[in-house]
């Protein structure tokens, strides 16, 4: 009887040891699983052909980042999340135009992703009474099938669409100027095109079509808002200017992920004839600051002082919350005006990050 009990005890001990061994094996895997979950929390999945989608249906362009990452897990640094960031200005139109002055090419971007390209010839600053084509974000504000120049001896300009004061897209009589298209600047300021290209563009682009002109670098780009989207409120002209300036300012100061971005459709009517600043002379920083969360844990050992500790914690939390509110509202206090007009700080921001002084062009009166 004793032998039987002894055998059973040995079997029980062996089973217990086996269970402990198996448990120890799984226990060794626990740190690995925790580490994987931790890394997963700070990782992002990307696809080369996607954009960042926000809840309201807007897509933010970040092409350079998608070209360097794949669908594997990627641990992102401040440098990683800064690649390819631009301030996206949104339109509800079906196309927008990108004028590459450095390439002497015009690209027509369509909502469905198609891109049409046209060789052009821009302004040559070395000609007499001429203006070099300038960077900026513009909008087509006039259309005329046959326009005669008031400055250059009544020159015939066909399918004329100005966007920067008197500078616009058009074709000319004959085809002699075709040789410079796509190769070198040859006009007094306007954007010369082939007859068939100018006509197609004239038919495709309604008044208000956005035109982004640059020489290879721009901190702004244009994106398509969801079809039939309307702004929540009717923004004033000054509100549009301030929002555009603030969005660009946040990117240039590395605050893209820290400050809340404003998503809205820009009204082409608020785009001045001199255009909107695109930061042609100031580069986007290589780093964008990331949001940081801080936590405070307080442990109370003696229950006698629990109420006192909770009271102190509540007072401290109220103090911290008040300070955070004061910090968050600091800019608002500086920029709020009861009359709804610009305060000094808002005017300064709009002046630096909205107005495009390089787009203000000289005027050459007609030859007498």
Protein backbone atom coordinates (compact mmCIF):
# COMPACT_ATOMS: atom_id res chain seq x y z
CA UNK A 1 0.00 0.00 0.00
CA UNK A 2 2.82 2.35 0.94
CA UNK A 3 4.63 1.48 -2.29
CA UNK A 4 1.55 2.38 -4.32
CA UNK A 5 1.23 5.72 -2.57
CA UNK A 6 4.94 6.36 -3.08
CA UNK A 7 4.67 5.62 -6.82
CA UNK A 8 1.69 7.93 -7.13
CA UNK A 9 3.54 10.71 -5.32
CA UNK A 10 6.53 10.28 -7.64
CA UNK A 11 4.25 10.44 -10.68
CA UNK A 12 2.58 13.55 -9.29
CA UNK A 13 5.97 15.18 -8.71
CA UNK A 14 7.12 14.27 -12.23
CA UNK A 15 3.97 15.75 -13.76
CA UNK A 16 4.41 18.87 -11.65
CA UNK A 17 8.03 19.21 -12.78
CA UNK A 18 6.99 18.71 -16.41
CA UNK A 19 4.31 21.39 -16.09
CA UNK A 20 6.84 23.73 -14.50
CA UNK A 21 9.28 23.10 -17.36
CA UNK A 22 6.62 23.83 -19.99
CA UNK A 23 5.55 26.92 -18.07
CA UNK A 24 9.17 28.08 -17.91
CA UNK A 25 9.44 27.69 -21.69
CA UNK A 26 6.35 29.84 -22.28
CA UNK A 27 7.58 32.27 -19.65
CA UNK A 28 10.74 32.80 -21.70
CA UNK A 29 8.57 33.77 -24.70
CA UNK A 30 6.67 36.38 -22.70
CA UNK A 31 9.34 39.14 -22.92
CA UNK A 32 9.59 38.55 -26.67
CA UNK A 33 5.81 38.90 -27.09
CA UNK A 34 5.74 42.04 -24.96
CA UNK A 35 8.64 43.55 -26.92
CA UNK A 36 6.89 42.78 -30.22
CA UNK A 37 3.66 44.41 -29.05
CA UNK A 38 5.61 47.43 -27.80
CA UNK A 39 7.35 47.88 -31.13
CA UNK A 40 4.08 47.39 -32.96
CA UNK A 41 2.59 50.26 -31.01
CA UNK A 42 5.28 52.61 -32.33
CA UNK A 43 5.26 51.27 -35.86
CA UNK A 44 3.27 52.18 -38.92
CA UNK A 45 2.21 50.21 -41.95
CA UNK A 46 2.66 52.04 -45.27
CA UNK A 47 1.89 51.33 -48.87
CA UNK A 48 3.83 52.94 -51.69
CA UNK A 49 0.71 54.01 -53.56
CA UNK A 50 -1.37 55.44 -50.73
CA UNK A 51 -1.81 58.74 -48.98
CA UNK A 52 -2.63 59.62 -45.42
CA UNK A 53 -6.44 59.70 -45.09
CA UNK A 54 -8.20 61.83 -42.50
CA UNK A 55 -11.66 61.29 -41.07
CA UNK A 56 -13.16 64.13 -43.08
CA UNK A 57 -12.11 62.56 -46.39
CA UNK A 58 -9.06 64.70 -47.15
CA UNK A 59 -5.84 63.10 -48.39
CA UNK A 60 -2.46 64.52 -47.37
CA UNK A 61 0.33 64.02 -49.88
CA UNK A 62 3.56 62.52 -48.53
CA UNK A 63 5.04 60.90 -51.63
CA UNK A 64 8.71 60.76 -50.65
CA UNK A 65 7.93 58.85 -47.47
CA UNK A 66 5.89 56.22 -49.31
CA UNK A 67 8.66 55.70 -51.84
CA UNK A 68 11.15 54.77 -49.10
CA UNK A 69 8.91 52.57 -46.96
CA UNK A 70 7.15 49.31 -47.73
CA UNK A 71 4.43 47.20 -46.15
CA UNK A 72 6.80 45.79 -43.53
CA UNK A 73 6.88 47.21 -40.00
CA UNK A 74 8.88 50.45 -39.86
CA UNK A 75 10.12 52.24 -36.74
CA UNK A 76 9.84 55.93 -37.59
CA UNK A 77 12.09 58.72 -36.37
CA UNK A 78 11.59 62.49 -36.53
CA UNK A 79 13.58 62.50 -39.75
CA UNK A 80 11.43 59.74 -41.30
CA UNK A 81 8.12 61.52 -40.70
CA UNK A 82 9.45 64.74 -42.22
CA UNK A 83 10.17 63.29 -45.69
CA UNK A 84 7.88 64.58 -48.41
CA UNK A 85 5.64 66.68 -46.17
CA UNK A 86 4.01 69.61 -47.93
CA UNK A 87 1.18 71.97 -47.15
CA UNK A 88 -1.71 70.64 -49.23
CA UNK A 89 -4.14 73.26 -50.53
CA UNK A 90 -7.46 71.70 -51.54
CA UNK A 91 -9.69 72.28 -54.55
CA UNK A 92 -13.02 70.79 -55.65
CA UNK A 93 -12.21 71.25 -59.34
CA UNK A 94 -11.38 68.22 -61.48
CA UNK A 95 -7.89 69.44 -62.37
CA UNK A 96 -5.12 71.80 -61.34
CA UNK A 97 -1.99 73.00 -63.15
CA UNK A 98 1.66 72.66 -62.17
CA UNK A 99 4.06 74.94 -64.05
CA UNK A 100 7.65 73.69 -63.78
CA UNK A 101 9.64 76.74 -64.73
CA UNK A 102 12.91 74.82 -64.38
CA UNK A 103 11.74 72.14 -66.83
CA UNK A 104 9.78 74.38 -69.21
CA UNK A 105 6.88 71.98 -68.81
CA UNK A 106 3.25 72.29 -67.74
CA UNK A 107 1.53 69.37 -65.97
CA UNK A 108 -2.23 69.07 -65.73
CA UNK A 109 -3.19 66.96 -62.70
CA UNK A 110 -6.58 65.25 -62.86
CA UNK A 111 -8.77 63.99 -60.03
CA UNK A 112 -8.55 60.40 -61.33
CA UNK A 113 -4.74 60.45 -61.06
CA UNK A 114 -4.01 61.10 -64.73
CA UNK A 115 -1.33 63.69 -65.55
CA UNK A 116 -1.21 65.44 -68.93
CA UNK A 117 2.03 67.21 -69.90
CA UNK A 118 2.66 70.10 -72.30
CA UNK A 119 5.94 71.70 -73.41
CA UNK A 120 5.93 75.45 -72.79
CA UNK A 121 8.20 78.46 -72.97
CA UNK A 122 8.19 80.91 -70.06
CA UNK A 123 9.40 84.47 -69.59
CA UNK A 124 13.00 85.37 -70.43
CA UNK A 125 14.23 88.14 -68.12
CA UNK A 126 17.06 89.06 -70.51
CA UNK A 127 14.75 90.30 -73.26
CA UNK A 128 13.80 93.96 -73.50
CA UNK A 129 10.75 94.89 -71.41
CA UNK A 130 10.40 91.31 -70.17
CA UNK A 131 9.59 89.52 -66.92
CA UNK A 132 10.86 86.16 -65.69
CA UNK A 133 8.09 83.74 -64.68
CA UNK A 134 7.73 83.77 -60.88
CA UNK A 135 6.96 81.03 -58.32
CA UNK A 136 3.68 81.06 -56.39
CA UNK A 137 0.22 79.56 -56.08
CA UNK A 138 -2.16 81.32 -58.47
CA UNK A 139 -5.65 80.96 -59.91
CA UNK A 140 -6.90 81.58 -63.44
CA UNK A 141 -8.99 84.77 -63.20
CA UNK A 142 -9.82 85.51 -66.86
CA UNK A 143 -10.36 83.66 -70.15
CA UNK A 144 -10.39 85.12 -73.66
CA UNK A 145 -10.21 83.16 -76.94
CA UNK A 146 -8.49 85.97 -78.84
CA UNK A 147 -6.70 88.70 -76.93
CA UNK A 148 -4.56 91.47 -78.37
CA UNK A 149 -1.70 92.59 -76.17
CA UNK A 150 -1.90 96.19 -74.95
CA UNK A 151 1.80 96.22 -74.06
CA UNK A 152 3.41 94.47 -77.02
CA UNK A 153 2.18 96.02 -80.24
CA UNK A 154 -1.26 94.38 -80.28
CA UNK A 155 0.27 90.90 -80.56
CA UNK A 156 -2.36 88.21 -81.12
CA UNK A 157 -2.72 85.84 -78.16
CA UNK A 158 -5.06 82.86 -78.59
CA UNK A 159 -6.87 81.04 -75.77
CA UNK A 160 -5.44 83.50 -73.30
CA UNK A 161 -5.78 82.58 -69.59
CA UNK A 162 -3.94 84.98 -67.24
CA UNK A 163 -3.13 83.89 -63.68
CA UNK A 164 -0.34 86.23 -62.48
CA UNK A 165 -1.39 89.79 -63.27
CA UNK A 166 -0.88 90.03 -67.05
CA UNK A 167 0.96 86.70 -67.36
CA UNK A 168 -1.02 83.76 -68.70
CA UNK A 169 -1.14 80.73 -70.97
CA UNK A 170 -1.68 81.29 -74.72
CA UNK A 171 -0.54 80.49 -78.23
CA UNK A 172 0.71 82.86 -80.95
CA UNK A 173 0.41 83.28 -84.70
CA UNK A 174 2.40 80.75 -86.72
CA UNK A 175 4.59 77.95 -85.42
CA UNK A 176 8.03 79.57 -85.49
CA UNK A 177 8.14 79.76 -81.70
CA UNK A 178 7.53 75.99 -81.34
CA UNK A 179 11.30 75.34 -81.37
CA UNK A 180 11.74 76.85 -77.91
CA UNK A 181 8.83 75.00 -76.29
CA UNK A 182 9.99 72.61 -73.60
CA UNK A 183 13.57 73.84 -73.96
CA UNK A 184 14.19 77.45 -73.03
CA UNK A 185 12.39 80.63 -71.87
CA UNK A 186 11.66 82.83 -74.89
CA UNK A 187 8.65 85.05 -74.09
CA UNK A 188 8.35 88.48 -72.50
CA UNK A 189 6.57 86.90 -69.53
CA UNK A 190 3.61 84.80 -70.67
CA UNK A 191 3.54 81.02 -71.01
CA UNK A 192 3.64 80.11 -74.67
CA UNK A 193 2.01 76.86 -75.85
CA UNK A 194 1.18 75.06 -79.07
CA UNK A 195 -2.19 75.98 -80.59
CA UNK A 196 -3.85 72.63 -79.92
CA UNK A 197 -2.47 72.47 -76.35
CA UNK A 198 -3.61 75.99 -75.50
CA UNK A 199 -7.09 75.25 -76.88
CA UNK A 200 -7.39 72.00 -74.91
CA UNK A 201 -6.28 73.72 -71.71
CA UNK A 202 -8.74 76.55 -72.37
CA UNK A 203 -11.62 74.07 -72.62
CA UNK A 204 -10.50 71.94 -69.65
CA UNK A 205 -9.85 74.64 -67.08
CA UNK A 206 -12.70 76.77 -65.69
CA UNK A 207 -12.13 80.11 -64.01
CA UNK A 208 -10.57 79.58 -60.60
CA UNK A 209 -8.38 76.62 -61.62
CA UNK A 210 -5.32 76.65 -59.36
CA UNK A 211 -1.86 77.10 -60.88
CA UNK A 212 1.23 76.11 -58.88
CA UNK A 213 4.36 77.61 -60.43
CA UNK A 214 7.79 76.67 -59.09
CA UNK A 215 11.40 75.95 -60.03
CA UNK A 216 11.72 72.46 -58.60
CA UNK A 217 11.02 73.18 -54.93
CA UNK A 218 7.80 74.17 -53.21
CA UNK A 219 6.50 73.74 -49.67
CA UNK A 220 2.92 73.70 -50.96
CA UNK A 221 1.08 71.34 -53.25
CA UNK A 222 -2.53 71.03 -54.40
CA UNK A 223 -4.88 68.17 -53.56
CA UNK A 224 -8.43 67.21 -54.40
CA UNK A 225 -11.07 67.58 -51.72
CA UNK A 226 -13.89 65.02 -51.66
CA UNK A 227 -16.37 65.66 -54.45
CA UNK A 228 -19.33 67.86 -53.47
CA UNK A 229 -17.55 68.78 -50.23
CA UNK A 230 -18.43 72.16 -48.73
CA UNK A 231 -16.70 74.06 -45.96
CA UNK A 232 -18.47 73.93 -42.62
CA UNK A 233 -18.76 77.70 -42.49
CA UNK A 234 -18.46 80.57 -44.95
CA UNK A 235 -14.94 81.76 -44.23
CA UNK A 236 -14.13 85.40 -44.81
CA UNK A 237 -11.26 86.44 -47.05
CA UNK A 238 -9.13 87.25 -44.01
CA UNK A 239 -9.89 83.89 -42.41
CA UNK A 240 -8.77 82.07 -45.57
CA UNK A 241 -5.53 84.05 -45.59
CA UNK A 242 -4.80 83.34 -41.95
CA UNK A 243 -5.54 79.60 -42.20
CA UNK A 244 -3.32 79.24 -45.28
CA UNK A 245 -0.52 81.16 -43.55
CA UNK A 246 -0.83 79.17 -40.33
CA UNK A 247 -0.77 75.77 -42.07
CA UNK A 248 2.43 76.65 -43.92
CA UNK A 249 3.99 78.20 -40.82
CA UNK A 250 3.45 75.01 -38.79
CA UNK A 251 5.22 72.88 -41.41
CA UNK A 252 8.16 75.25 -41.75
CA UNK A 253 8.54 75.37 -37.96
CA UNK A 254 8.41 71.57 -37.62
CA UNK A 255 4.97 71.55 -35.98
CA UNK A 256 3.09 69.48 -38.58
CA UNK A 257 2.22 66.68 -36.12
CA UNK A 258 1.96 68.89 -33.03
CA UNK A 259 -0.48 71.58 -34.17
CA UNK A 260 -3.94 70.70 -35.44
CA UNK A 261 -4.16 71.20 -39.21
CA UNK A 262 -7.09 72.99 -40.77
CA UNK A 263 -8.75 71.25 -43.72
CA UNK A 264 -10.83 73.39 -46.06
CA UNK A 265 -11.47 74.18 -49.70
CA UNK A 266 -9.70 77.33 -50.78
CA UNK A 267 -11.90 79.87 -52.53
CA UNK A 268 -10.05 80.86 -55.75
CA UNK A 269 -11.47 84.37 -55.46
CA UNK A 270 -9.27 85.07 -52.43
CA UNK A 271 -6.09 84.23 -54.37
CA UNK A 272 -4.47 87.58 -55.21
CA UNK A 273 -3.18 88.35 -58.70
CA UNK A 274 0.33 88.26 -57.26
CA UNK A 275 -0.29 84.72 -55.96
CA UNK A 276 0.19 82.99 -52.63
CA UNK A 277 3.59 82.37 -51.07
CA UNK A 278 4.89 78.79 -51.51
CA UNK A 279 8.12 79.10 -49.48
CA UNK A 280 10.42 79.09 -52.51
CA UNK A 281 13.20 80.62 -50.36
CA UNK A 282 12.76 78.69 -47.09
CA UNK A 283 13.20 74.91 -46.89
CA UNK A 284 11.03 72.51 -44.91
CA UNK A 285 13.06 71.29 -41.89
CA UNK A 286 14.49 67.78 -41.92
CA UNK A 287 12.72 67.02 -38.65
CA UNK A 288 9.10 67.40 -37.59
CA UNK A 289 8.39 67.36 -33.87
CA UNK A 290 6.31 64.45 -32.63
CA UNK A 291 3.60 64.63 -29.95
CA UNK A 292 4.90 63.56 -26.54
CA UNK A 293 2.71 62.33 -23.68
CA UNK A 294 3.92 62.54 -20.09
CA UNK A 295 2.46 60.62 -17.14
CA UNK A 296 2.69 61.15 -13.38
CA UNK A 297 2.11 58.22 -11.02
CA UNK A 298 1.67 58.84 -7.31
CA UNK A 299 1.56 55.95 -4.86
CA UNK A 300 0.14 56.43 -1.36
CA UNK A 301 1.56 54.02 1.23
CA UNK A 302 -0.22 55.18 4.39
CA UNK A 303 -4.00 55.06 4.10
CA UNK A 304 -4.33 57.65 6.88
CA UNK A 305 -3.05 60.30 4.49
CA UNK A 306 -4.95 59.06 1.43
CA UNK A 307 -7.50 61.87 1.53
CA UNK A 308 -4.79 64.48 2.01
CA UNK A 309 -2.73 63.06 -0.87
CA UNK A 310 -5.75 62.97 -3.17
CA UNK A 311 -6.54 66.56 -2.25
CA UNK A 312 -3.00 67.67 -3.04
CA UNK A 313 -3.02 65.69 -6.30
CA UNK A 314 -6.30 67.32 -7.31
CA UNK A 315 -4.91 70.79 -6.59
CA UNK A 316 -1.74 70.00 -8.57
CA UNK A 317 -3.73 68.60 -11.48
CA UNK A 318 -5.93 71.71 -11.51
CA UNK A 319 -2.77 73.84 -11.52
CA UNK A 320 -1.23 71.82 -14.36
CA UNK A 321 -4.47 71.90 -16.34
CA UNK A 322 -4.67 75.67 -15.90
CA UNK A 323 -1.07 76.08 -17.05
CA UNK A 324 -1.68 73.83 -20.08
CA UNK A 325 -4.77 75.85 -20.96
CA UNK A 326 -2.86 79.09 -20.59
CA UNK A 327 -0.08 77.76 -22.84
CA UNK A 328 -2.52 76.50 -25.46
CA UNK A 329 -4.44 79.76 -25.44
CA UNK A 330 -1.38 81.96 -25.38
CA UNK A 331 -1.39 82.50 -29.12
CA UNK A 332 -5.18 82.88 -29.14
CA UNK A 333 -5.00 85.67 -26.57
CA UNK A 334 -2.44 87.46 -28.67
CA UNK A 335 -4.43 87.10 -31.87
CA UNK A 336 -8.05 87.52 -30.71
CA UNK A 337 -9.80 90.74 -31.56
CA UNK A 338 -13.37 91.55 -30.58
CA UNK A 339 -13.96 93.29 -33.88
CA UNK A 340 -12.95 90.20 -35.88
CA UNK A 341 -10.06 92.10 -37.46
CA UNK A 342 -6.40 91.13 -37.66
CA UNK A 343 -4.28 91.71 -34.59
CA UNK A 344 -0.57 92.45 -34.94
CA UNK A 345 0.58 88.83 -34.70
CA UNK A 346 -1.99 87.64 -37.26
CA UNK A 347 -1.05 90.41 -39.68
CA UNK A 348 2.61 89.49 -39.31
CA UNK A 349 1.87 85.79 -39.98
CA UNK A 350 -0.21 86.58 -43.07
CA UNK A 351 2.44 88.96 -44.35
CA UNK A 352 5.20 86.36 -44.07
CA UNK A 353 3.39 83.16 -45.05
CA UNK A 354 0.53 84.19 -47.35
CA UNK A 355 1.56 87.22 -49.39
CA UNK A 356 3.81 86.56 -52.39
CA UNK A 357 5.84 89.75 -53.03
CA UNK A 358 7.81 88.09 -55.82
CA UNK A 359 4.54 87.80 -57.76
CA UNK A 360 4.10 91.58 -57.98
CA UNK A 361 5.29 92.36 -61.50
CA UNK A 362 6.43 95.55 -63.22
CA UNK A 363 4.18 97.10 -65.82
CA UNK A 364 5.54 98.10 -69.21
CA UNK A 365 3.35 100.70 -70.95
CA UNK A 366 2.67 100.36 -74.69
CA UNK A 367 5.33 101.64 -77.08
CA UNK A 368 4.49 105.08 -78.40
